[in-house]
Amino acid sequence: MSKNETPTKVIVSCRFSYLHCWEPEAINGGEPKYSVSAIIPKSDKETIKKIQAAVEAAKQESLSKWGGKIPPNLKLPLRDGDIDRPEDEAYKGCYFFNANSRQAPQVVDKQVQPILDQTEVYSGCYGRISVNFYGYNSNGNRGVAAGLGNIQKLKDGEALSIRYQHQRSF
């Protein structure tokens, strides 16, 4: 665990999808939030293991929210792209989770310098995000969610389809 990580906070290397890091977006009429769908190849076993450990820590920290025991129908953040998004090539052979925040994330480049050009960071590029996993109990829904921290772009990638995403403007 690095100095910036706690049992529930991890730095995840991933591909960005459905990225809303500049303006908050309301999903299904909900509160506008900054968000990203983090895509991780199934072959990246180390990152998957870190995420699973953080989710387990969040479960333990959230027992009091759930009456002292883990609910049997708990919603978990890490999902299988082959099962949950079979029609989307970007998710093939990958796991993914959605992270969001009410606060705007800091968006930086490889040298940890702020990125000001909004066309530089887009759905399809690769980087790292800091994420804090936490338990919730809201309106009868119980689970573990991912809070989005900061975003670091590491390299370009093929922009993902405009049909599903906001496309990079050139």
C-alpha atoms as a PDB file:
ATOM      1  CA  MET A   1       0.000   0.000   0.000  1.00  0.00           C
ATOM      2  CA  SER A   2       1.469   3.398  -0.948  1.00  0.00           C
ATOM      3  CA  LYS A   3       1.508   6.371   1.414  1.00  0.00           C
ATOM      4  CA  ASN A   4      -1.614   7.774  -0.302  1.00  0.00           C
ATOM      5  CA  GLU A   5      -3.610   4.592   0.186  1.00  0.00           C
ATOM      6  CA  THR A   6      -5.729   3.462   3.144  1.00  0.00           C
ATOM      7  CA  PRO A   7      -7.557   0.141   3.332  1.00  0.00           C
ATOM      8  CA  THR A   8     -10.481   1.659   1.376  1.00  0.00           C
ATOM      9  CA  LYS A   9      -8.554   4.092  -0.854  1.00  0.00           C
ATOM     10  CA  VAL A  10      -6.611   2.892  -3.901  1.00  0.00           C
ATOM     11  CA  ILE A  11      -4.962   4.309  -6.994  1.00  0.00           C
ATOM     12  CA  VAL A  12      -6.296   2.461 -10.050  1.00  0.00           C
ATOM     13  CA  SER A  13      -4.710   2.320 -13.519  1.00  0.00           C
ATOM     14  CA  CYS A  14      -7.497   2.127 -16.080  1.00  0.00           C
ATOM     15  CA  ARG A  15      -9.046   3.315 -19.313  1.00  0.00           C
ATOM     16  CA  PHE A  16     -11.560   6.128 -18.914  1.00  0.00           C
ATOM     17  CA  SER A  17     -15.090   5.703 -20.230  1.00  0.00           C
ATOM     18  CA  TYR A  18     -18.199   7.864 -19.769  1.00  0.00           C
ATOM     19  CA  LEU A  19     -15.818  10.508 -18.417  1.00  0.00           C
ATOM     20  CA  HIS A  20     -17.332  13.640 -16.871  1.00  0.00           C
ATOM     21  CA  CYS A  21     -14.375  15.363 -15.200  1.00  0.00           C
ATOM     22  CA  TRP A  22     -14.974  18.950 -16.365  1.00  0.00           C
ATOM     23  CA  GLU A  23     -18.715  19.395 -15.819  1.00  0.00           C
ATOM     24  CA  PRO A  24     -20.952  17.377 -13.498  1.00  0.00           C
ATOM     25  CA  GLU A  25     -23.568  15.259 -15.251  1.00  0.00           C
ATOM     26  CA  ALA A  26     -26.956  14.189 -13.879  1.00  0.00           C
ATOM     27  CA  ILE A  27     -27.696  10.492 -14.434  1.00  0.00           C
ATOM     28  CA  ASN A  28     -31.379   9.469 -14.570  1.00  0.00           C
ATOM     29  CA  GLY A  29     -32.475  12.821 -13.184  1.00  0.00           C
ATOM     30  CA  GLY A  30     -30.251  12.497 -10.099  1.00  0.00           C
ATOM     31  CA  GLU A  31     -27.892  15.016  -8.597  1.00  0.00           C
ATOM     32  CA  PRO A  32     -25.198  16.223 -11.059  1.00  0.00           C
ATOM     33  CA  LYS A  33     -21.842  14.570 -10.309  1.00  0.00           C
ATOM     34  CA  TYR A  34     -18.369  14.244 -11.765  1.00  0.00           C
ATOM     35  CA  SER A  35     -17.855  10.641 -12.813  1.00  0.00           C
ATOM     36  CA  VAL A  36     -15.926   8.029 -14.741  1.00  0.00           C
ATOM     37  CA  SER A  37     -16.353   4.391 -15.661  1.00  0.00           C
ATOM     38  CA  ALA A  38     -12.933   2.826 -14.980  1.00  0.00           C
ATOM     39  CA  ILE A  39     -12.140  -0.093 -17.311  1.00  0.00           C
ATOM     40  CA  ILE A  40      -9.487  -2.565 -16.101  1.00  0.00           C
ATOM     41  CA  PRO A  41      -8.300  -5.550 -18.163  1.00  0.00           C
ATOM     42  CA  LYS A  42      -9.007  -8.890 -16.475  1.00  0.00           C
ATOM     43  CA  SER A  43      -5.310  -9.671 -16.997  1.00  0.00           C
ATOM     44  CA  ASP A  44      -4.375  -6.885 -14.507  1.00  0.00           C
ATOM     45  CA  LYS A  45      -4.752  -9.188 -11.523  1.00  0.00           C
ATOM     46  CA  GLU A  46      -2.791  -6.911  -9.151  1.00  0.00           C
ATOM     47  CA  THR A  47      -5.174  -3.962  -9.653  1.00  0.00           C
ATOM     48  CA  ILE A  48      -8.240  -6.224  -9.371  1.00  0.00           C
ATOM     49  CA  LYS A  49      -6.854  -7.635  -6.117  1.00  0.00           C
ATOM     50  CA  LYS A  50      -6.303  -4.099  -4.714  1.00  0.00           C
ATOM     51  CA  ILE A  51      -9.885  -3.125  -5.603  1.00  0.00           C
ATOM     52  CA  GLN A  52     -11.322  -6.289  -4.051  1.00  0.00           C
ATOM     53  CA  ALA A  53      -9.327  -5.714  -0.840  1.00  0.00           C
ATOM     54  CA  ALA A  54     -10.559  -2.095  -0.637  1.00  0.00           C
ATOM     55  CA  VAL A  55     -14.174  -3.236  -1.175  1.00  0.00           C
ATOM     56  CA  GLU A  56     -13.772  -5.826   1.615  1.00  0.00           C
ATOM     57  CA  ALA A  57     -12.366  -3.124   3.937  1.00  0.00           C
ATOM     58  CA  ALA A  58     -15.310  -0.853   3.076  1.00  0.00           C
ATOM     59  CA  LYS A  59     -17.716  -3.691   3.938  1.00  0.00           C
ATOM     60  CA  GLN A  60     -16.106  -4.102   7.363  1.00  0.00           C
ATOM     61  CA  GLU A  61     -16.115  -0.336   7.999  1.00  0.00           C
ATOM     62  CA  SER A  62     -19.819  -0.151   7.039  1.00  0.00           C
ATOM     63  CA  LEU A  63     -21.213  -2.922   9.252  1.00  0.00           C
ATOM     64  CA  SER A  64     -22.846  -0.351  11.553  1.00  0.00           C
ATOM     65  CA  LYS A  65     -24.800   1.054   8.564  1.00  0.00           C
ATOM     66  CA  TRP A  66     -26.157  -2.408   7.857  1.00  0.00           C
ATOM     67  CA  GLY A  67     -27.213  -3.457  11.364  1.00  0.00           C
ATOM     68  CA  GLY A  68     -23.964  -5.254  12.203  1.00  0.00           C
ATOM     69  CA  LYS A  69     -23.920  -7.751   9.331  1.00  0.00           C
ATOM     70  CA  ILE A  70     -23.245  -7.767   5.606  1.00  0.00           C
ATOM     71  CA  PRO A  71     -26.564  -7.843   3.705  1.00  0.00           C
ATOM     72  CA  PRO A  72     -27.057 -10.841   1.385  1.00  0.00           C
ATOM     73  CA  ASN A  73     -28.112  -8.634  -1.569  1.00  0.00           C
ATOM     74  CA  LEU A  74     -25.259  -6.123  -1.246  1.00  0.00           C
ATOM     75  CA  LYS A  75     -24.536  -4.163  -4.457  1.00  0.00           C
ATOM     76  CA  LEU A  76     -20.829  -4.261  -5.281  1.00  0.00           C
ATOM     77  CA  PRO A  77     -18.994  -1.807  -7.530  1.00  0.00           C
ATOM     78  CA  LEU A  78     -16.714  -4.132  -9.556  1.00  0.00           C
ATOM     79  CA  ARG A  79     -18.584  -5.563 -12.545  1.00  0.00           C
ATOM     80  CA  ASP A  80     -17.711  -7.888 -15.426  1.00  0.00           C
ATOM     81  CA  GLY A  81     -17.737  -6.117 -18.797  1.00  0.00           C
ATOM     82  CA  ASP A  82     -18.353  -9.378 -20.683  1.00  0.00           C
ATOM     83  CA  ILE A  83     -21.590  -9.873 -18.706  1.00  0.00           C
ATOM     84  CA  ASP A  84     -22.822  -6.322 -18.041  1.00  0.00           C
ATOM     85  CA  ARG A  85     -21.728  -4.611 -21.294  1.00  0.00           C
ATOM     86  CA  PRO A  86     -21.465  -7.411 -23.906  1.00  0.00           C
ATOM     87  CA  GLU A  87     -22.360  -5.030 -26.767  1.00  0.00           C
ATOM     88  CA  ASP A  88     -19.479  -2.630 -25.995  1.00  0.00           C
ATOM     89  CA  GLU A  89     -16.060  -3.630 -27.408  1.00  0.00           C
ATOM     90  CA  ALA A  90     -14.229  -1.360 -24.933  1.00  0.00           C
ATOM     91  CA  TYR A  91     -15.458  -3.540 -22.039  1.00  0.00           C
ATOM     92  CA  LYS A  92     -14.594  -6.921 -23.631  1.00  0.00           C
ATOM     93  CA  GLY A  93     -12.228  -8.958 -21.430  1.00  0.00           C
ATOM     94  CA  CYS A  94     -12.384  -6.302 -18.700  1.00  0.00           C
ATOM     95  CA  TYR A  95     -13.832  -5.467 -15.345  1.00  0.00           C
ATOM     96  CA  PHE A  96     -15.181  -1.992 -14.636  1.00  0.00           C
ATOM     97  CA  PHE A  97     -16.628   0.164 -11.907  1.00  0.00           C
ATOM     98  CA  ASN A  98     -18.180   3.616 -11.812  1.00  0.00           C
ATOM     99  CA  ALA A  99     -16.761   6.282  -9.518  1.00  0.00           C
ATOM    100  CA  ASN A 100     -18.287   9.680  -8.863  1.00  0.00           C
ATOM    101  CA  SER A 101     -17.993  12.792  -6.724  1.00  0.00           C
ATOM    102  CA  ARG A 102     -19.850  16.014  -5.985  1.00  0.00           C
ATOM    103  CA  GLN A 103     -16.498  17.850  -6.012  1.00  0.00           C
ATOM    104  CA  ALA A 104     -14.564  18.440  -9.223  1.00  0.00           C
ATOM    105  CA  PRO A 105     -11.542  16.136  -9.406  1.00  0.00           C
ATOM    106  CA  GLN A 106      -8.086  17.554  -9.920  1.00  0.00           C
ATOM    107  CA  VAL A 107      -7.032  16.544 -13.454  1.00  0.00           C
ATOM    108  CA  VAL A 108      -3.278  16.273 -14.057  1.00  0.00           C
ATOM    109  CA  ASP A 109      -0.790  14.991 -16.636  1.00  0.00           C
ATOM    110  CA  LYS A 110       2.116  12.503 -16.273  1.00  0.00           C
ATOM    111  CA  GLN A 111       4.210  15.168 -14.534  1.00  0.00           C
ATOM    112  CA  VAL A 112       1.310  15.910 -12.130  1.00  0.00           C
ATOM    113  CA  GLN A 113       0.774  19.315 -13.738  1.00  0.00           C
ATOM    114  CA  PRO A 114      -2.838  20.539 -14.034  1.00  0.00           C
ATOM    115  CA  ILE A 115      -4.448  19.908 -17.430  1.00  0.00           C
ATOM    116  CA  LEU A 116      -6.331  22.997 -18.554  1.00  0.00           C
ATOM    117  CA  ASP A 117      -7.170  21.985 -22.131  1.00  0.00           C
ATOM    118  CA  GLN A 118     -10.387  20.008 -21.749  1.00  0.00           C
ATOM    119  CA  THR A 119      -9.855  18.200 -25.075  1.00  0.00           C
ATOM    120  CA  GLU A 120      -6.758  16.483 -23.605  1.00  0.00           C
ATOM    121  CA  VAL A 121      -8.706  14.167 -21.272  1.00  0.00           C
ATOM    122  CA  TYR A 122     -11.560  12.191 -22.820  1.00  0.00           C
ATOM    123  CA  SER A 123     -13.367   8.860 -22.837  1.00  0.00           C
ATOM    124  CA  GLY A 124     -10.899   6.385 -24.308  1.00  0.00           C
ATOM    125  CA  CYS A 125      -7.631   7.715 -22.888  1.00  0.00           C
ATOM    126  CA  TYR A 126      -5.677   5.923 -20.155  1.00  0.00           C
ATOM    127  CA  GLY A 127      -4.569   7.009 -16.732  1.00  0.00           C
ATOM    128  CA  ARG A 128      -4.945   6.621 -13.004  1.00  0.00           C
ATOM    129  CA  ILE A 129      -7.698   7.618 -10.629  1.00  0.00           C
ATOM    130  CA  SER A 130      -7.745   7.753  -6.856  1.00  0.00           C
ATOM    131  CA  VAL A 131     -10.820   6.051  -5.456  1.00  0.00           C
ATOM    132  CA  ASN A 132     -12.268   5.635  -1.984  1.00  0.00           C
ATOM    133  CA  PHE A 133     -14.693   2.745  -1.557  1.00  0.00           C
ATOM    134  CA  TYR A 134     -17.455   3.210   1.039  1.00  0.00           C
ATOM    135  CA  GLY A 135     -20.633   1.505   2.148  1.00  0.00           C
ATOM    136  CA  TYR A 136     -24.074   3.049   1.755  1.00  0.00           C
ATOM    137  CA  ASN A 137     -27.608   2.399   2.969  1.00  0.00           C
ATOM    138  CA  SER A 138     -30.030   4.639   1.105  1.00  0.00           C
ATOM    139  CA  ASN A 139     -33.731   4.177   0.316  1.00  0.00           C
ATOM    140  CA  GLY A 140     -33.511   0.436   0.894  1.00  0.00           C
ATOM    141  CA  ASN A 141     -30.436   0.082  -1.353  1.00  0.00           C
ATOM    142  CA  ARG A 142     -27.317  -1.193   0.351  1.00  0.00           C
ATOM    143  CA  GLY A 143     -23.919  -1.627  -1.151  1.00  0.00           C
ATOM    144  CA  VAL A 144     -20.393  -0.398  -1.665  1.00  0.00           C
ATOM    145  CA  ALA A 145     -19.775   2.573  -3.947  1.00  0.00           C
ATOM    146  CA  ALA A 146     -16.638   4.245  -5.323  1.00  0.00           C
ATOM    147  CA  GLY A 147     -15.895   7.882  -4.559  1.00  0.00           C
ATOM    148  CA  LEU A 148     -13.832   9.596  -7.254  1.00  0.00           C
ATOM    149  CA  GLY A 149     -10.726  11.452  -6.107  1.00  0.00           C
ATOM    150  CA  ASN A 150      -8.245  12.791  -8.630  1.00  0.00           C
ATOM    151  CA  ILE A 151      -7.531  11.899 -12.253  1.00  0.00           C
ATOM    152  CA  GLN A 152      -4.134  11.553 -13.920  1.00  0.00           C
ATOM    153  CA  LYS A 153      -3.916  11.115 -17.685  1.00  0.00           C
ATOM    154  CA  LEU A 154      -1.020   8.882 -18.716  1.00  0.00           C
ATOM    155  CA  LYS A 155      -1.560   8.282 -22.445  1.00  0.00           C
ATOM    156  CA  ASP A 156      -3.931   8.763 -25.327  1.00  0.00           C
ATOM    157  CA  GLY A 157      -6.250   6.042 -26.562  1.00  0.00           C
ATOM    158  CA  GLU A 158      -8.855   5.676 -29.256  1.00  0.00           C
ATOM    159  CA  ALA A 159     -11.787   7.958 -28.420  1.00  0.00           C
ATOM    160  CA  LEU A 160     -14.834   5.891 -27.537  1.00  0.00           C
ATOM    161  CA  SER A 161     -18.003   5.974 -29.632  1.00  0.00           C
ATOM    162  CA  ILE A 162     -20.028   9.186 -29.735  1.00  0.00           C
ATOM    163  CA  ARG A 163     -23.146   7.058 -29.682  1.00  0.00           C
ATOM    164  CA  TYR A 164     -22.501   6.222 -26.047  1.00  0.00           C
ATOM    165  CA  GLN A 165     -20.124   8.979 -24.992  1.00  0.00           C
ATOM    166  CA  HIS A 166     -19.137  12.584 -25.369  1.00  0.00           C
ATOM    167  CA  GLN A 167     -16.546  12.481 -28.124  1.00  0.00           C
ATOM    168  CA  ARG A 168     -13.245  14.305 -27.944  1.00  0.00           C
ATOM    169  CA  SER A 169     -13.447  17.561 -29.896  1.00  0.00           C
ATOM    170  CA  PHE A 170     -10.488  18.347 -32.129  1.00  0.00           C
END
